[in-house]
PDB file of N, CA and C in Angstrom:
ATOM      1  N   MET A   1       0.810  -1.198   0.000  1.00  0.00           N
ATOM      2  CA  MET A   1       0.000   0.000   0.000  1.00  0.00           C
ATOM      3  C   MET A   1       0.857   1.267   0.000  1.00  0.00           C
ATOM      4  N   PRO A   2       1.909   1.341   0.829  1.00  0.00           N
ATOM      5  CA  PRO A   2       2.719   2.563   0.816  1.00  0.00           C
ATOM      6  C   PRO A   2       3.334   2.857  -0.551  1.00  0.00           C
ATOM      7  N   THR A   3       3.768   1.825  -1.274  1.00  0.00           N
ATOM      8  CA  THR A   3       4.364   2.028  -2.595  1.00  0.00           C
ATOM      9  C   THR A   3       3.344   2.593  -3.569  1.00  0.00           C
ATOM     10  N   SER A   4       2.132   2.089  -3.544  1.00  0.00           N
ATOM     11  CA  SER A   4       1.071   2.588  -4.428  1.00  0.00           C
ATOM     12  C   SER A   4       0.765   4.053  -4.153  1.00  0.00           C
ATOM     13  N   ILE A   5       0.716   4.417  -2.898  1.00  0.00           N
ATOM     14  CA  ILE A   5       0.393   5.800  -2.543  1.00  0.00           C
ATOM     15  C   ILE A   5       1.550   6.730  -2.908  1.00  0.00           C
ATOM     16  N   ARG A   6       2.783   6.278  -2.725  1.00  0.00           N
ATOM     17  CA  ARG A   6       3.942   7.088  -3.156  1.00  0.00           C
ATOM     18  C   ARG A   6       3.933   7.272  -4.673  1.00  0.00           C
ATOM     19  N   ASN A   7       3.531   6.232  -5.404  1.00  0.00           N
ATOM     20  CA  ASN A   7       3.428   6.352  -6.863  1.00  0.00           C
ATOM     21  C   ASN A   7       2.371   7.387  -7.261  1.00  0.00           C
ATOM     22  N   CYS A   8       1.255   7.400  -6.564  1.00  0.00           N
ATOM     23  CA  CYS A   8       0.221   8.418  -6.811  1.00  0.00           C
ATOM     24  C   CYS A   8       0.791   9.810  -6.577  1.00  0.00           C
ATOM     25  N   PHE A   9       1.536   9.951  -5.492  1.00  0.00           N
ATOM     26  CA  PHE A   9       2.136  11.247  -5.155  1.00  0.00           C
ATOM     27  C   PHE A   9       3.083  11.697  -6.270  1.00  0.00           C
ATOM     28  N   SER A  10       3.859  10.772  -6.803  1.00  0.00           N
ATOM     29  CA  SER A  10       4.872  11.143  -7.802  1.00  0.00           C
ATOM     30  C   SER A  10       4.270  11.584  -9.134  1.00  0.00           C
ATOM     31  N   VAL A  11       3.099  11.093  -9.500  1.00  0.00           N
ATOM     32  CA  VAL A  11       2.501  11.453 -10.792  1.00  0.00           C
ATOM     33  C   VAL A  11       1.455  12.555 -10.694  1.00  0.00           C
ATOM     34  N   LEU A  12       1.047  12.907  -9.494  1.00  0.00           N
ATOM     35  CA  LEU A  12       0.016  13.927  -9.311  1.00  0.00           C
ATOM     36  C   LEU A  12       0.630  15.321  -9.412  1.00  0.00           C
ATOM     37  N   LYS A  13      -0.073  16.237 -10.059  1.00  0.00           N
ATOM     38  CA  LYS A  13       0.393  17.623 -10.149  1.00  0.00           C
ATOM     39  C   LYS A  13       0.303  18.277  -8.778  1.00  0.00           C
ATOM     40  N   PRO A  14       1.160  19.257  -8.484  1.00  0.00           N
ATOM     41  CA  PRO A  14       1.050  19.992  -7.216  1.00  0.00           C
ATOM     42  C   PRO A  14      -0.350  20.598  -7.065  1.00  0.00           C
ATOM     43  N   GLY A  15      -0.929  20.444  -5.904  1.00  0.00           N
ATOM     44  CA  GLY A  15      -2.286  20.922  -5.639  1.00  0.00           C
ATOM     45  C   GLY A  15      -3.364  19.911  -5.994  1.00  0.00           C
ATOM     46  N   GLY A  16      -2.978  18.804  -6.634  1.00  0.00           N
ATOM     47  CA  GLY A  16      -3.946  17.786  -7.043  1.00  0.00           C
ATOM     48  C   GLY A  16      -4.468  16.988  -5.858  1.00  0.00           C
ATOM     49  N   LEU A  17      -5.630  16.395  -6.049  1.00  0.00           N
ATOM     50  CA  LEU A  17      -6.297  15.633  -4.994  1.00  0.00           C
ATOM     51  C   LEU A  17      -6.332  14.146  -5.309  1.00  0.00           C
ATOM     52  N   VAL A  18      -6.229  13.344  -4.271  1.00  0.00           N
ATOM     53  CA  VAL A  18      -6.516  11.917  -4.353  1.00  0.00           C
ATOM     54  C   VAL A  18      -7.759  11.685  -3.512  1.00  0.00           C
ATOM     55  N   LEU A  19      -8.740  11.023  -4.097  1.00  0.00           N
ATOM     56  CA  LEU A  19      -9.969  10.669  -3.379  1.00  0.00           C
ATOM     57  C   LEU A  19      -9.876   9.185  -3.033  1.00  0.00           C
ATOM     58  N   PHE A  20     -10.102   8.879  -1.770  1.00  0.00           N
ATOM     59  CA  PHE A  20      -9.938   7.513  -1.272  1.00  0.00           C
ATOM     60  C   PHE A  20     -11.249   7.037  -0.668  1.00  0.00           C
ATOM     61  N   ARG A  21     -11.631   5.807  -1.017  1.00  0.00           N
ATOM     62  CA  ARG A  21     -12.793   5.183  -0.385  1.00  0.00           C
ATOM     63  C   ARG A  21     -12.551   3.683  -0.362  1.00  0.00           C
ATOM     64  N   ASP A  22     -12.657   3.102   0.819  1.00  0.00           N
ATOM     65  CA  ASP A  22     -12.476   1.655   0.947  1.00  0.00           C
ATOM     66  C   ASP A  22     -13.178   1.193   2.217  1.00  0.00           C
ATOM     67  N   TYR A  23     -13.137  -0.126   2.444  1.00  0.00           N
ATOM     68  CA  TYR A  23     -13.786  -0.701   3.613  1.00  0.00           C
ATOM     69  C   TYR A  23     -13.227  -0.113   4.907  1.00  0.00           C
ATOM     70  N   GLY A  24     -14.124   0.168   5.850  1.00  0.00           N
ATOM     71  CA  GLY A  24     -13.734   0.600   7.185  1.00  0.00           C
ATOM     72  C   GLY A  24     -13.844  -0.551   8.171  1.00  0.00           C
ATOM     73  N   LEU A  25     -13.187  -0.378   9.301  1.00  0.00           N
ATOM     74  CA  LEU A  25     -13.248  -1.396  10.357  1.00  0.00           C
ATOM     75  C   LEU A  25     -14.688  -1.689  10.748  1.00  0.00           C
ATOM     76  N   TYR A  26     -14.975  -2.944  10.971  1.00  0.00           N
ATOM     77  CA  TYR A  26     -16.266  -3.448  11.446  1.00  0.00           C
ATOM     78  C   TYR A  26     -17.394  -3.296  10.432  1.00  0.00           C
ATOM     79  N   ASP A  27     -17.024  -3.202   9.151  1.00  0.00           N
ATOM     80  CA  ASP A  27     -18.022  -3.287   8.087  1.00  0.00           C
ATOM     81  C   ASP A  27     -18.674  -4.668   8.170  1.00  0.00           C
ATOM     82  N   MET A  28     -19.902  -4.775   7.704  1.00  0.00           N
ATOM     83  CA  MET A  28     -20.618  -6.058   7.795  1.00  0.00           C
ATOM     84  C   MET A  28     -19.851  -7.184   7.111  1.00  0.00           C
ATOM     85  N   THR A  29     -19.118  -6.857   6.061  1.00  0.00           N
ATOM     86  CA  THR A  29     -18.323  -7.877   5.373  1.00  0.00           C
ATOM     87  C   THR A  29     -17.243  -8.434   6.288  1.00  0.00           C
ATOM     88  N   MET A  30     -16.596  -7.575   7.043  1.00  0.00           N
ATOM     89  CA  MET A  30     -15.557  -8.006   7.970  1.00  0.00           C
ATOM     90  C   MET A  30     -16.139  -8.932   9.037  1.00  0.00           C
ATOM     91  N   LEU A  31     -17.302  -8.593   9.520  1.00  0.00           N
ATOM     92  CA  LEU A  31     -17.922  -9.363  10.595  1.00  0.00           C
ATOM     93  C   LEU A  31     -18.432 -10.732  10.124  1.00  0.00           C
ATOM     94  N   ARG A  32     -18.630 -10.891   8.813  1.00  0.00           N
ATOM     95  CA  ARG A  32     -19.131 -12.165   8.287  1.00  0.00           C
ATOM     96  C   ARG A  32     -18.032 -13.177   7.982  1.00  0.00           C
ATOM     97  N   PHE A  33     -16.775 -12.730   7.933  1.00  0.00           N
ATOM     98  CA  PHE A  33     -15.691 -13.671   7.660  1.00  0.00           C
ATOM     99  C   PHE A  33     -15.564 -14.672   8.801  1.00  0.00           C
ATOM    100  N   LYS A  34     -15.212 -15.895   8.448  1.00  0.00           N
ATOM    101  CA  LYS A  34     -14.987 -16.948   9.444  1.00  0.00           C
ATOM    102  C   LYS A  34     -13.570 -16.811  10.000  1.00  0.00           C
ATOM    103  N   PRO A  35     -13.334 -17.288  11.218  1.00  0.00           N
ATOM    104  CA  PRO A  35     -12.002 -17.164  11.835  1.00  0.00           C
ATOM    105  C   PRO A  35     -10.869 -17.754  10.992  1.00  0.00           C
ATOM    106  N   ASP A  36     -11.133 -18.824  10.256  1.00  0.00           N
ATOM    107  CA  ASP A  36     -10.060 -19.430   9.459  1.00  0.00           C
ATOM    108  C   ASP A  36      -9.714 -18.622   8.208  1.00  0.00           C
ATOM    109  N   GLN A  37     -10.492 -17.595   7.892  1.00  0.00           N
ATOM    110  CA  GLN A  37     -10.214 -16.726   6.751  1.00  0.00           C
ATOM    111  C   GLN A  37      -9.376 -15.511   7.157  1.00  0.00           C
ATOM    112  N   ARG A  38      -9.125 -15.379   8.420  1.00  0.00           N
ATOM    113  CA  ARG A  38      -8.396 -14.225   8.936  1.00  0.00           C
ATOM    114  C   ARG A  38      -6.892 -14.407   8.725  1.00  0.00           C
ATOM    115  N   LEU A  39      -6.262 -13.392   8.118  1.00  0.00           N
ATOM    116  CA  LEU A  39      -4.821 -13.409   7.890  1.00  0.00           C
ATOM    117  C   LEU A  39      -4.095 -12.507   8.887  1.00  0.00           C
ATOM    118  N   GLY A  40      -4.787 -11.529   9.411  1.00  0.00           N
ATOM    119  CA  GLY A  40      -4.228 -10.570  10.361  1.00  0.00           C
ATOM    120  C   GLY A  40      -5.366  -9.845  11.026  1.00  0.00           C
ATOM    121  N   PHE A  41      -5.051  -8.811  11.803  1.00  0.00           N
ATOM    122  CA  PHE A  41      -6.110  -8.100  12.530  1.00  0.00           C
ATOM    123  C   PHE A  41      -7.157  -7.523  11.590  1.00  0.00           C
ATOM    124  N   ARG A  42      -6.726  -6.998  10.434  1.00  0.00           N
ATOM    125  CA  ARG A  42      -7.659  -6.340   9.520  1.00  0.00           C
ATOM    126  C   ARG A  42      -7.691  -6.951   8.133  1.00  0.00           C
ATOM    127  N   GLU A  43      -7.042  -8.068   7.938  1.00  0.00           N
ATOM    128  CA  GLU A  43      -6.931  -8.651   6.602  1.00  0.00           C
ATOM    129  C   GLU A  43      -7.526 -10.058   6.588  1.00  0.00           C
ATOM    130  N   TYR A  44      -8.314 -10.318   5.530  1.00  0.00           N
ATOM    131  CA  TYR A  44      -9.015 -11.589   5.396  1.00  0.00           C
ATOM    132  C   TYR A  44      -8.858 -12.120   3.984  1.00  0.00           C
ATOM    133  N   MET A  45      -8.935 -13.448   3.845  1.00  0.00           N
ATOM    134  CA  MET A  45      -8.851 -14.115   2.548  1.00  0.00           C
ATOM    135  C   MET A  45     -10.256 -14.534   2.127  1.00  0.00           C
ATOM    136  N   ARG A  46     -10.665 -14.085   0.946  1.00  0.00           N
ATOM    137  CA  ARG A  46     -11.962 -14.490   0.398  1.00  0.00           C
ATOM    138  C   ARG A  46     -11.851 -15.902  -0.179  1.00  0.00           C
ATOM    139  N   SER A  47     -12.974 -16.530  -0.442  1.00  0.00           N
ATOM    140  CA  SER A  47     -12.967 -17.899  -0.962  1.00  0.00           C
ATOM    141  C   SER A  47     -12.347 -17.990  -2.355  1.00  0.00           C
ATOM    142  N   ASP A  48     -12.325 -16.881  -3.111  1.00  0.00           N
ATOM    143  CA  ASP A  48     -11.725 -16.897  -4.447  1.00  0.00           C
ATOM    144  C   ASP A  48     -10.227 -16.576  -4.428  1.00  0.00           C
ATOM    145  N   GLY A  49      -9.657 -16.428  -3.216  1.00  0.00           N
ATOM    146  CA  GLY A  49      -8.230 -16.178  -3.086  1.00  0.00           C
ATOM    147  C   GLY A  49      -7.834 -14.713  -3.002  1.00  0.00           C
ATOM    148  N   THR A  50      -8.779 -13.803  -3.254  1.00  0.00           N
ATOM    149  CA  THR A  50      -8.466 -12.382  -3.124  1.00  0.00           C
ATOM    150  C   THR A  50      -8.514 -11.988  -1.649  1.00  0.00           C
ATOM    151  N   ARG A  51      -7.912 -10.866  -1.350  1.00  0.00           N
ATOM    152  CA  ARG A  51      -7.839 -10.412   0.041  1.00  0.00           C
ATOM    153  C   ARG A  51      -8.669  -9.163   0.260  1.00  0.00           C
ATOM    154  N   SER A  52      -9.158  -9.013   1.467  1.00  0.00           N
ATOM    155  CA  SER A  52      -9.884  -7.817   1.881  1.00  0.00           C
ATOM    156  C   SER A  52      -9.176  -7.225   3.088  1.00  0.00           C
ATOM    157  N   TYR A  53      -8.995  -5.919   3.060  1.00  0.00           N
ATOM    158  CA  TYR A  53      -8.379  -5.202   4.175  1.00  0.00           C
ATOM    159  C   TYR A  53      -9.372  -4.151   4.646  1.00  0.00           C
ATOM    160  N   PHE A  54      -9.478  -3.976   5.949  1.00  0.00           N
ATOM    161  CA  PHE A  54     -10.431  -3.047   6.537  1.00  0.00           C
ATOM    162  C   PHE A  54      -9.662  -1.961   7.271  1.00  0.00           C
ATOM    163  N   PHE A  55      -9.810  -0.718   6.805  1.00  0.00           N
ATOM    164  CA  PHE A  55      -9.005   0.407   7.246  1.00  0.00           C
ATOM    165  C   PHE A  55      -9.564   1.129   8.465  1.00  0.00           C
ATOM    166  N   SER A  56      -8.667   1.640   9.282  1.00  0.00           N
ATOM    167  CA  SER A  56      -9.018   2.609  10.314  1.00  0.00           C
ATOM    168  C   SER A  56      -8.607   3.981   9.785  1.00  0.00           C
ATOM    169  N   LEU A  57      -9.141   5.033  10.382  1.00  0.00           N
ATOM    170  CA  LEU A  57      -8.763   6.387   9.972  1.00  0.00           C
ATOM    171  C   LEU A  57      -7.273   6.621  10.187  1.00  0.00           C
ATOM    172  N   ASP A  58      -6.756   6.143  11.307  1.00  0.00           N
ATOM    173  CA  ASP A  58      -5.335   6.336  11.609  1.00  0.00           C
ATOM    174  C   ASP A  58      -4.432   5.671  10.577  1.00  0.00           C
ATOM    175  N   THR A  59      -4.803   4.505  10.110  1.00  0.00           N
ATOM    176  CA  THR A  59      -4.008   3.801   9.106  1.00  0.00           C
ATOM    177  C   THR A  59      -3.978   4.577   7.796  1.00  0.00           C
ATOM    178  N   VAL A  60      -5.140   5.038   7.347  1.00  0.00           N
ATOM    179  CA  VAL A  60      -5.214   5.801   6.090  1.00  0.00           C
ATOM    180  C   VAL A  60      -4.429   7.100   6.224  1.00  0.00           C
ATOM    181  N   ARG A  61      -4.619   7.787   7.328  1.00  0.00           N
ATOM    182  CA  ARG A  61      -3.891   9.039   7.566  1.00  0.00           C
ATOM    183  C   ARG A  61      -2.386   8.796   7.522  1.00  0.00           C
ATOM    184  N   SER A  62      -1.926   7.781   8.195  1.00  0.00           N
ATOM    185  CA  SER A  62      -0.505   7.462   8.254  1.00  0.00           C
ATOM    186  C   SER A  62       0.060   7.157   6.865  1.00  0.00           C
ATOM    187  N   LEU A  63      -0.682   6.395   6.065  1.00  0.00           N
ATOM    188  CA  LEU A  63      -0.229   6.040   4.721  1.00  0.00           C
ATOM    189  C   LEU A  63      -0.075   7.272   3.829  1.00  0.00           C
ATOM    190  N   PHE A  64      -1.081   8.144   3.828  1.00  0.00           N
ATOM    191  CA  PHE A  64      -1.054   9.299   2.932  1.00  0.00           C
ATOM    192  C   PHE A  64      -0.119  10.395   3.424  1.00  0.00           C
ATOM    193  N   VAL A  65      -0.161  10.713   4.692  1.00  0.00           N
ATOM    194  CA  VAL A  65       0.731  11.743   5.231  1.00  0.00           C
ATOM    195  C   VAL A  65       2.180  11.273   5.133  1.00  0.00           C
ATOM    196  N   GLY A  66       2.406   9.996   5.340  1.00  0.00           N
ATOM    197  CA  GLY A  66       3.747   9.432   5.214  1.00  0.00           C
ATOM    198  C   GLY A  66       4.303   9.524   3.798  1.00  0.00           C
ATOM    199  N   ALA A  67       3.415   9.598   2.800  1.00  0.00           N
ATOM    200  CA  ALA A  67       3.843   9.723   1.401  1.00  0.00           C
ATOM    201  C   ALA A  67       3.998  11.181   0.983  1.00  0.00           C
ATOM    202  N   GLY A  68       3.648  12.128   1.882  1.00  0.00           N
ATOM    203  CA  GLY A  68       3.812  13.546   1.567  1.00  0.00           C
ATOM    204  C   GLY A  68       2.536  14.317   1.339  1.00  0.00           C
ATOM    205  N   PHE A  69       1.391  13.652   1.355  1.00  0.00           N
ATOM    206  CA  PHE A  69       0.116  14.338   1.161  1.00  0.00           C
ATOM    207  C   PHE A  69      -0.295  15.099   2.413  1.00  0.00           C
ATOM    208  N   THR A  70      -1.159  16.093   2.220  1.00  0.00           N
ATOM    209  CA  THR A  70      -1.792  16.752   3.363  1.00  0.00           C
ATOM    210  C   THR A  70      -3.258  16.306   3.398  1.00  0.00           C
ATOM    211  N   GLU A  71      -3.757  16.116   4.585  1.00  0.00           N
ATOM    212  CA  GLU A  71      -5.140  15.657   4.768  1.00  0.00           C
ATOM    213  C   GLU A  71      -6.097  16.818   4.573  1.00  0.00           C
ATOM    214  N   VAL A  72      -7.082  16.640   3.705  1.00  0.00           N
ATOM    215  CA  VAL A  72      -8.133  17.621   3.489  1.00  0.00           C
ATOM    216  C   VAL A  72      -9.392  17.176   4.238  1.00  0.00           C
ATOM    217  N   GLU A  73      -9.698  15.901   4.128  1.00  0.00           N
ATOM    218  CA  GLU A  73     -10.907  15.347   4.754  1.00  0.00           C
ATOM    219  C   GLU A  73     -10.682  13.860   4.987  1.00  0.00           C
ATOM    220  N   LEU A  74     -11.127  13.370   6.132  1.00  0.00           N
ATOM    221  CA  LEU A  74     -11.023  11.940   6.424  1.00  0.00           C
ATOM    222  C   LEU A  74     -12.078  11.584   7.454  1.00  0.00           C
ATOM    223  N   GLU A  75     -12.952  10.637   7.092  1.00  0.00           N
ATOM    224  CA  GLU A  75     -14.044  10.278   7.989  1.00  0.00           C
ATOM    225  C   GLU A  75     -14.584   8.891   7.675  1.00  0.00           C
ATOM    226  N   TYR A  76     -15.276   8.322   8.642  1.00  0.00           N
ATOM    227  CA  TYR A  76     -16.033   7.102   8.413  1.00  0.00           C
ATOM    228  C   TYR A  76     -17.377   7.493   7.820  1.00  0.00           C
ATOM    229  N   CYS A  77     -17.875   6.692   6.925  1.00  0.00           N
ATOM    230  CA  CYS A  77     -19.212   6.862   6.369  1.00  0.00           C
ATOM    231  C   CYS A  77     -19.969   5.578   6.696  1.00  0.00           C
ATOM    232  N   CYS A  78     -20.971   5.685   7.542  1.00  0.00           N
ATOM    233  CA  CYS A  78     -21.756   4.522   7.962  1.00  0.00           C
ATOM    234  C   CYS A  78     -23.117   4.581   7.275  1.00  0.00           C
ATOM    235  N   VAL A  79     -23.452   3.516   6.575  1.00  0.00           N
ATOM    236  CA  VAL A  79     -24.686   3.471   5.806  1.00  0.00           C
ATOM    237  C   VAL A  79     -25.477   2.231   6.209  1.00  0.00           C
ATOM    238  N   LYS A  80     -26.748   2.432   6.508  1.00  0.00           N
ATOM    239  CA  LYS A  80     -27.641   1.304   6.777  1.00  0.00           C
ATOM    240  C   LYS A  80     -28.562   1.166   5.585  1.00  0.00           C
ATOM    241  N   SER A  81     -28.605  -0.032   5.033  1.00  0.00           N
ATOM    242  CA  SER A  81     -29.517  -0.266   3.916  1.00  0.00           C
ATOM    243  C   SER A  81     -30.308  -1.539   4.196  1.00  0.00           C
ATOM    244  N   LEU A  82     -31.479  -1.592   3.621  1.00  0.00           N
ATOM    245  CA  LEU A  82     -32.375  -2.719   3.820  1.00  0.00           C
ATOM    246  C   LEU A  82     -32.480  -3.513   2.530  1.00  0.00           C
ATOM    247  N   ASN A  83     -32.239  -4.811   2.612  1.00  0.00           N
ATOM    248  CA  ASN A  83     -32.465  -5.709   1.489  1.00  0.00           C
ATOM    249  C   ASN A  83     -33.947  -6.081   1.540  1.00  0.00           C
ATOM    250  N   ARG A  84     -34.725  -5.509   0.661  1.00  0.00           N
ATOM    251  CA  ARG A  84     -36.178  -5.718   0.700  1.00  0.00           C
ATOM    252  C   ARG A  84     -36.569  -7.160   0.413  1.00  0.00           C
ATOM    253  N   ARG A  85     -35.759  -7.829  -0.360  1.00  0.00           N
ATOM    254  CA  ARG A  85     -36.077  -9.205  -0.732  1.00  0.00           C
ATOM    255  C   ARG A  85     -36.089 -10.137   0.478  1.00  0.00           C
ATOM    256  N   ASN A  86     -35.042 -10.033   1.332  1.00  0.00           N
ATOM    257  CA  ASN A  86     -34.995 -10.940   2.487  1.00  0.00           C
ATOM    258  C   ASN A  86     -35.193 -10.222   3.825  1.00  0.00           C
ATOM    259  N   GLY A  87     -35.415  -8.917   3.774  1.00  0.00           N
ATOM    260  CA  GLY A  87     -35.700  -8.171   4.988  1.00  0.00           C
ATOM    261  C   GLY A  87     -34.511  -7.940   5.906  1.00  0.00           C
ATOM    262  N   LYS A  88     -33.301  -8.132   5.392  1.00  0.00           N
ATOM    263  CA  LYS A  88     -32.110  -7.961   6.234  1.00  0.00           C
ATOM    264  C   LYS A  88     -31.578  -6.539   6.162  1.00  0.00           C
ATOM    265  N   ASN A  89     -31.191  -6.027   7.332  1.00  0.00           N
ATOM    266  CA  ASN A  89     -30.504  -4.744   7.400  1.00  0.00           C
ATOM    267  C   ASN A  89     -29.015  -4.977   7.197  1.00  0.00           C
ATOM    268  N   MET A  90     -28.397  -4.115   6.434  1.00  0.00           N
ATOM    269  CA  MET A  90     -26.958  -4.206   6.204  1.00  0.00           C
ATOM    270  C   MET A  90     -26.316  -2.919   6.694  1.00  0.00           C
ATOM    271  N   GLU A  91     -25.354  -3.067   7.586  1.00  0.00           N
ATOM    272  CA  GLU A  91     -24.651  -1.907   8.105  1.00  0.00           C
ATOM    273  C   GLU A  91     -23.259  -1.860   7.488  1.00  0.00           C
ATOM    274  N   ARG A  92     -23.067  -0.905   6.601  1.00  0.00           N
ATOM    275  CA  ARG A  92     -21.806  -0.769   5.884  1.00  0.00           C
ATOM    276  C   ARG A  92     -20.979   0.350   6.517  1.00  0.00           C
ATOM    277  N   VAL A  93     -19.678   0.143   6.513  1.00  0.00           N
ATOM    278  CA  VAL A  93     -18.749   1.141   7.050  1.00  0.00           C
ATOM    279  C   VAL A  93     -17.665   1.363   5.997  1.00  0.00           C
ATOM    280  N   TRP A  94     -17.524   2.608   5.578  1.00  0.00           N
ATOM    281  CA  TRP A  94     -16.516   2.985   4.597  1.00  0.00           C
ATOM    282  C   TRP A  94     -15.604   4.046   5.206  1.00  0.00           C
ATOM    283  N   VAL A  95     -14.403   4.139   4.671  1.00  0.00           N
ATOM    284  CA  VAL A  95     -13.509   5.246   5.008  1.00  0.00           C
ATOM    285  C   VAL A  95     -13.433   6.121   3.765  1.00  0.00           C
ATOM    286  N   HIS A  96     -13.768   7.416   3.932  1.00  0.00           N
ATOM    287  CA  HIS A  96     -13.682   8.395   2.854  1.00  0.00           C
ATOM    288  C   HIS A  96     -12.556   9.360   3.179  1.00  0.00           C
ATOM    289  N   GLY A  97     -11.730   9.654   2.198  1.00  0.00           N
ATOM    290  CA  GLY A  97     -10.655  10.605   2.427  1.00  0.00           C
ATOM    291  C   GLY A  97     -10.337  11.421   1.199  1.00  0.00           C
ATOM    292  N   LYS A  98      -9.891  12.654   1.439  1.00  0.00           N
ATOM    293  CA  LYS A  98      -9.353  13.529   0.389  1.00  0.00           C
ATOM    294  C   LYS A  98      -7.983  13.972   0.860  1.00  0.00           C
ATOM    295  N   PHE A  99      -7.008  13.799  -0.010  1.00  0.00           N
ATOM    296  CA  PHE A  99      -5.637  14.162   0.318  1.00  0.00           C
ATOM    297  C   PHE A  99      -5.057  14.975  -0.831  1.00  0.00           C
ATOM    298  N   ARG A 100      -4.342  16.053  -0.485  1.00  0.00           N
ATOM    299  CA  ARG A 100      -3.813  16.974  -1.488  1.00  0.00           C
ATOM    300  C   ARG A 100      -2.294  16.915  -1.522  1.00  0.00           C
ATOM    301  N   LYS A 101      -1.754  16.977  -2.745  1.00  0.00           N
ATOM    302  CA  LYS A 101      -0.309  17.108  -2.900  1.00  0.00           C
ATOM    303  C   LYS A 101       0.024  18.594  -2.727  1.00  0.00           C
ATOM    304  N   PRO A 102       0.938  18.916  -1.820  1.00  0.00           N
ATOM    305  CA  PRO A 102       1.266  20.329  -1.575  1.00  0.00           C
ATOM    306  C   PRO A 102       1.744  21.038  -2.839  1.00  0.00           C
ATOM    307  N   ILE A 103       1.491  22.333  -2.879  1.00  0.00           N
ATOM    308  CA  ILE A 103       1.906  23.157  -4.024  1.00  0.00           C
ATOM    309  C   ILE A 103       3.378  23.529  -3.878  1.00  0.00           C
TER     310      ILE A 103
END
């Protein structure tokens, strides 16, 4: 992850923005994983072999600020939606962030 963010920093024009959105801690997807799918505190292996990582605000802040960006906005976005077909409530947690490359 740090290498990808540094690469973004290197190609972005001064004053440019990076918009970030990904899974947040305790998203319903994270809570549905079985214990044997857990690779680390926030990382899980899906049945198709791909991995899912669930971010905290501090982790995202550390990654972007560590690459040279300045934080413009960073927050959790919690959304409750209802699956009308089966009547289940889904509680989603996302991390939204805006980071600017200094001028």
